Amino acid sequence: QVYLEESGGGSVQAGGSLRLSCAASGRTFSISTMGWFRQAPGKEREFVAAINWVGSGTNYAAAVKGRFTISRDNAKITVYLQMNSLKSDDTAVYYCAVTRGLSTQYDTWGQGTQVTVSS
């Protein structure tokens, strides 16, 4: 089992920045990809960004490309989401999730952290 704990959410004005963290514990050797998703009120959960745990591959949603940066610290088994030039549309609960082994399904999720951007 893998356990995920997000932190770093909060309230910020439009144009500001926040950095989210997601620390993994448990059977972390099985992690292949770590990703960030978000869900705004009344909307479905959507993909934000992902990073391979081995290698340097990253992937971003079009809505955040150029503003958000995903990175990882292998020693701390932690993934980060640096969010710059925040917009009110970025307001959501942000979730960390992982895929394990050869699966492409995100099957383990954190509890989420709220990000609120005021205009």
C-alpha atoms as a PDB file:
ATOM      1  CA  GLN A   1       0.000   0.000   0.000  1.00  0.00           C
ATOM      2  CA  VAL A   2       1.136   3.543  -0.791  1.00  0.00           C
ATOM      3  CA  TYR A   3       0.084   6.512   1.302  1.00  0.00           C
ATOM      4  CA  LEU A   4       0.032  10.084   0.011  1.00  0.00           C
ATOM      5  CA  GLU A   5      -0.156  13.323   1.949  1.00  0.00           C
ATOM      6  CA  GLU A   6      -0.569  16.687   0.251  1.00  0.00           C
ATOM      7  CA  SER A   7       0.305  20.052   1.727  1.00  0.00           C
ATOM      8  CA  GLY A   8       0.843  23.631   0.647  1.00  0.00           C
ATOM      9  CA  GLY A   9      -2.628  24.698  -0.365  1.00  0.00           C
ATOM     10  CA  GLY A  10      -4.091  28.029   0.656  1.00  0.00           C
ATOM     11  CA  SER A  11      -5.520  31.304  -0.548  1.00  0.00           C
ATOM     12  CA  VAL A  12      -3.737  33.658  -2.900  1.00  0.00           C
ATOM     13  CA  GLN A  13      -4.616  36.580  -5.131  1.00  0.00           C
ATOM     14  CA  ALA A  14      -4.670  36.210  -8.886  1.00  0.00           C
ATOM     15  CA  GLY A  15      -1.186  36.428 -10.314  1.00  0.00           C
ATOM     16  CA  GLY A  16       0.341  34.919  -7.202  1.00  0.00           C
ATOM     17  CA  SER A  17       2.126  31.620  -6.623  1.00  0.00           C
ATOM     18  CA  LEU A  18       1.787  28.531  -4.469  1.00  0.00           C
ATOM     19  CA  ARG A  19       3.779  25.329  -4.180  1.00  0.00           C
ATOM     20  CA  LEU A  20       2.050  22.068  -3.385  1.00  0.00           C
ATOM     21  CA  SER A  21       3.855  19.063  -1.970  1.00  0.00           C
ATOM     22  CA  CYS A  22       2.898  15.408  -1.941  1.00  0.00           C
ATOM     23  CA  ALA A  23       4.868  13.044   0.269  1.00  0.00           C
ATOM     24  CA  ALA A  24       4.602   9.327  -0.368  1.00  0.00           C
ATOM     25  CA  SER A  25       5.146   6.551   2.147  1.00  0.00           C
ATOM     26  CA  GLY A  26       4.615   2.816   2.370  1.00  0.00           C
ATOM     27  CA  ARG A  27       5.437   0.588  -0.607  1.00  0.00           C
ATOM     28  CA  THR A  28       6.883   3.465  -2.582  1.00  0.00           C
ATOM     29  CA  PHE A  29       9.135   1.198  -4.654  1.00  0.00           C
ATOM     30  CA  SER A  30       6.054   0.331  -6.687  1.00  0.00           C
ATOM     31  CA  ILE A  31       5.394   3.923  -7.827  1.00  0.00           C
ATOM     32  CA  SER A  32       5.840   4.528 -11.548  1.00  0.00           C
ATOM     33  CA  THR A  33       4.143   7.903 -12.036  1.00  0.00           C
ATOM     34  CA  MET A  34       3.037  10.648  -9.664  1.00  0.00           C
ATOM     35  CA  GLY A  35       0.417  13.085 -10.800  1.00  0.00           C
ATOM     36  CA  TRP A  36      -1.676  16.033  -9.740  1.00  0.00           C
ATOM     37  CA  PHE A  37      -5.376  16.370 -10.420  1.00  0.00           C
ATOM     38  CA  ARG A  38      -7.888  19.001  -9.386  1.00  0.00           C
ATOM     39  CA  GLN A  39     -11.609  19.285  -8.893  1.00  0.00           C
ATOM     40  CA  ALA A  40     -13.451  22.583  -8.842  1.00  0.00           C
ATOM     41  CA  PRO A  41     -16.943  22.903  -7.321  1.00  0.00           C
ATOM     42  CA  GLY A  42     -19.552  21.471  -9.663  1.00  0.00           C
ATOM     43  CA  LYS A  43     -16.952  20.153 -12.082  1.00  0.00           C
ATOM     44  CA  GLU A  44     -15.374  16.796 -12.748  1.00  0.00           C
ATOM     45  CA  ARG A  45     -11.885  16.001 -11.596  1.00  0.00           C
ATOM     46  CA  GLU A  46      -9.292  16.883 -14.217  1.00  0.00           C
ATOM     47  CA  PHE A  47      -5.663  16.056 -14.874  1.00  0.00           C
ATOM     48  CA  VAL A  48      -3.124  18.782 -14.122  1.00  0.00           C
ATOM     49  CA  ALA A  49       0.386  17.347 -14.413  1.00  0.00           C
ATOM     50  CA  ALA A  50       2.390  14.156 -14.012  1.00  0.00           C
ATOM     51  CA  ILE A  51       5.996  13.072 -13.697  1.00  0.00           C
ATOM     52  CA  ASN A  52       7.649   9.709 -14.186  1.00  0.00           C
ATOM     53  CA  TRP A  53       9.337   8.383 -11.083  1.00  0.00           C
ATOM     54  CA  VAL A  54      12.186   7.010 -13.182  1.00  0.00           C
ATOM     55  CA  GLY A  55      13.535   9.268 -15.878  1.00  0.00           C
ATOM     56  CA  SER A  56      12.515  12.858 -16.467  1.00  0.00           C
ATOM     57  CA  GLY A  57       9.288  12.640 -18.380  1.00  0.00           C
ATOM     58  CA  THR A  58       6.586  15.161 -17.509  1.00  0.00           C
ATOM     59  CA  ASN A  59       3.155  15.917 -18.869  1.00  0.00           C
ATOM     60  CA  TYR A  60       0.893  18.944 -18.392  1.00  0.00           C
ATOM     61  CA  ALA A  61      -2.672  19.876 -19.101  1.00  0.00           C
ATOM     62  CA  ALA A  62      -2.974  22.631 -21.681  1.00  0.00           C
ATOM     63  CA  ALA A  63      -4.637  24.918 -19.135  1.00  0.00           C
ATOM     64  CA  VAL A  64      -1.555  24.993 -16.891  1.00  0.00           C
ATOM     65  CA  LYS A  65       1.340  24.539 -19.318  1.00  0.00           C
ATOM     66  CA  GLY A  66       3.831  27.348 -18.952  1.00  0.00           C
ATOM     67  CA  ARG A  67       2.498  28.336 -15.527  1.00  0.00           C
ATOM     68  CA  PHE A  68       2.819  25.164 -13.455  1.00  0.00           C
ATOM     69  CA  THR A  69       5.929  23.028 -12.981  1.00  0.00           C
ATOM     70  CA  ILE A  70       5.976  19.517 -11.580  1.00  0.00           C
ATOM     71  CA  SER A  71       9.155  18.182 -10.005  1.00  0.00           C
ATOM     72  CA  ARG A  72      10.234  15.462  -7.634  1.00  0.00           C
ATOM     73  CA  ASP A  73      12.718  14.728  -4.882  1.00  0.00           C
ATOM     74  CA  ASN A  74      13.533  11.034  -5.003  1.00  0.00           C
ATOM     75  CA  ALA A  75      15.314  11.059  -1.654  1.00  0.00           C
ATOM     76  CA  LYS A  76      12.269  12.527   0.087  1.00  0.00           C
ATOM     77  CA  ILE A  77       9.826  10.560  -2.100  1.00  0.00           C
ATOM     78  CA  THR A  78       7.999  13.802  -2.648  1.00  0.00           C
ATOM     79  CA  VAL A  79       6.530  15.465  -5.700  1.00  0.00           C
ATOM     80  CA  TYR A  80       5.956  19.198  -5.980  1.00  0.00           C
ATOM     81  CA  LEU A  81       3.672  21.385  -8.051  1.00  0.00           C
ATOM     82  CA  GLN A  82       4.916  24.940  -8.418  1.00  0.00           C
ATOM     83  CA  MET A  83       1.995  27.078  -9.504  1.00  0.00           C
ATOM     84  CA  ASN A  84       2.709  30.566 -10.860  1.00  0.00           C
ATOM     85  CA  SER A  85       0.506  33.226 -12.440  1.00  0.00           C
ATOM     86  CA  LEU A  86      -2.502  31.739 -10.710  1.00  0.00           C
ATOM     87  CA  LYS A  87      -5.952  32.527 -12.026  1.00  0.00           C
ATOM     88  CA  SER A  88      -9.379  32.291 -10.422  1.00  0.00           C
ATOM     89  CA  ASP A  89     -10.048  29.293 -12.692  1.00  0.00           C
ATOM     90  CA  ASP A  90      -7.297  27.433 -10.830  1.00  0.00           C
ATOM     91  CA  THR A  91      -9.441  27.394  -7.680  1.00  0.00           C
ATOM     92  CA  ALA A  92     -10.029  23.748  -6.797  1.00  0.00           C
ATOM     93  CA  VAL A  93      -9.140  20.931  -4.472  1.00  0.00           C
ATOM     94  CA  TYR A  94      -5.832  19.520  -5.695  1.00  0.00           C
ATOM     95  CA  TYR A  95      -5.168  15.808  -5.351  1.00  0.00           C
ATOM     96  CA  CYS A  96      -1.953  13.837  -5.637  1.00  0.00           C
ATOM     97  CA  ALA A  97      -2.162  10.354  -7.133  1.00  0.00           C
ATOM     98  CA  VAL A  98       0.134   7.570  -8.283  1.00  0.00           C
ATOM     99  CA  THR A  99       0.269   4.746 -10.761  1.00  0.00           C
ATOM    100  CA  ARG A 100       2.082   1.628  -9.717  1.00  0.00           C
ATOM    101  CA  GLY A 101       4.089  -0.929 -11.616  1.00  0.00           C
ATOM    102  CA  LEU A 102       3.033  -1.320 -15.238  1.00  0.00           C
ATOM    103  CA  SER A 103      -0.465   0.023 -14.671  1.00  0.00           C
ATOM    104  CA  THR A 104      -1.533   3.319 -16.234  1.00  0.00           C
ATOM    105  CA  GLN A 105      -4.386   3.711 -13.774  1.00  0.00           C
ATOM    106  CA  TYR A 106      -4.040   6.150 -10.906  1.00  0.00           C
ATOM    107  CA  ASP A 107      -5.152   3.896  -8.072  1.00  0.00           C
ATOM    108  CA  THR A 108      -3.926   5.653  -4.942  1.00  0.00           C
ATOM    109  CA  TRP A 109      -5.008   9.150  -3.988  1.00  0.00           C
ATOM    110  CA  GLY A 110      -4.258  11.698  -1.315  1.00  0.00           C
ATOM    111  CA  GLN A 111      -6.888  13.508   0.694  1.00  0.00           C
ATOM    112  CA  GLY A 112      -6.602  16.732  -1.297  1.00  0.00           C
ATOM    113  CA  THR A 113      -5.596  20.284  -0.498  1.00  0.00           C
ATOM    114  CA  GLN A 114      -7.656  23.390  -1.214  1.00  0.00           C
ATOM    115  CA  VAL A 115      -6.312  26.128  -3.472  1.00  0.00           C
ATOM    116  CA  THR A 116      -8.342  29.329  -3.654  1.00  0.00           C
ATOM    117  CA  VAL A 117      -7.403  32.127  -6.043  1.00  0.00           C
ATOM    118  CA  SER A 118      -9.210  35.427  -5.607  1.00  0.00           C
ATOM    119  CA  SER A 119      -9.432  38.011  -8.351  1.00  0.00           C
END
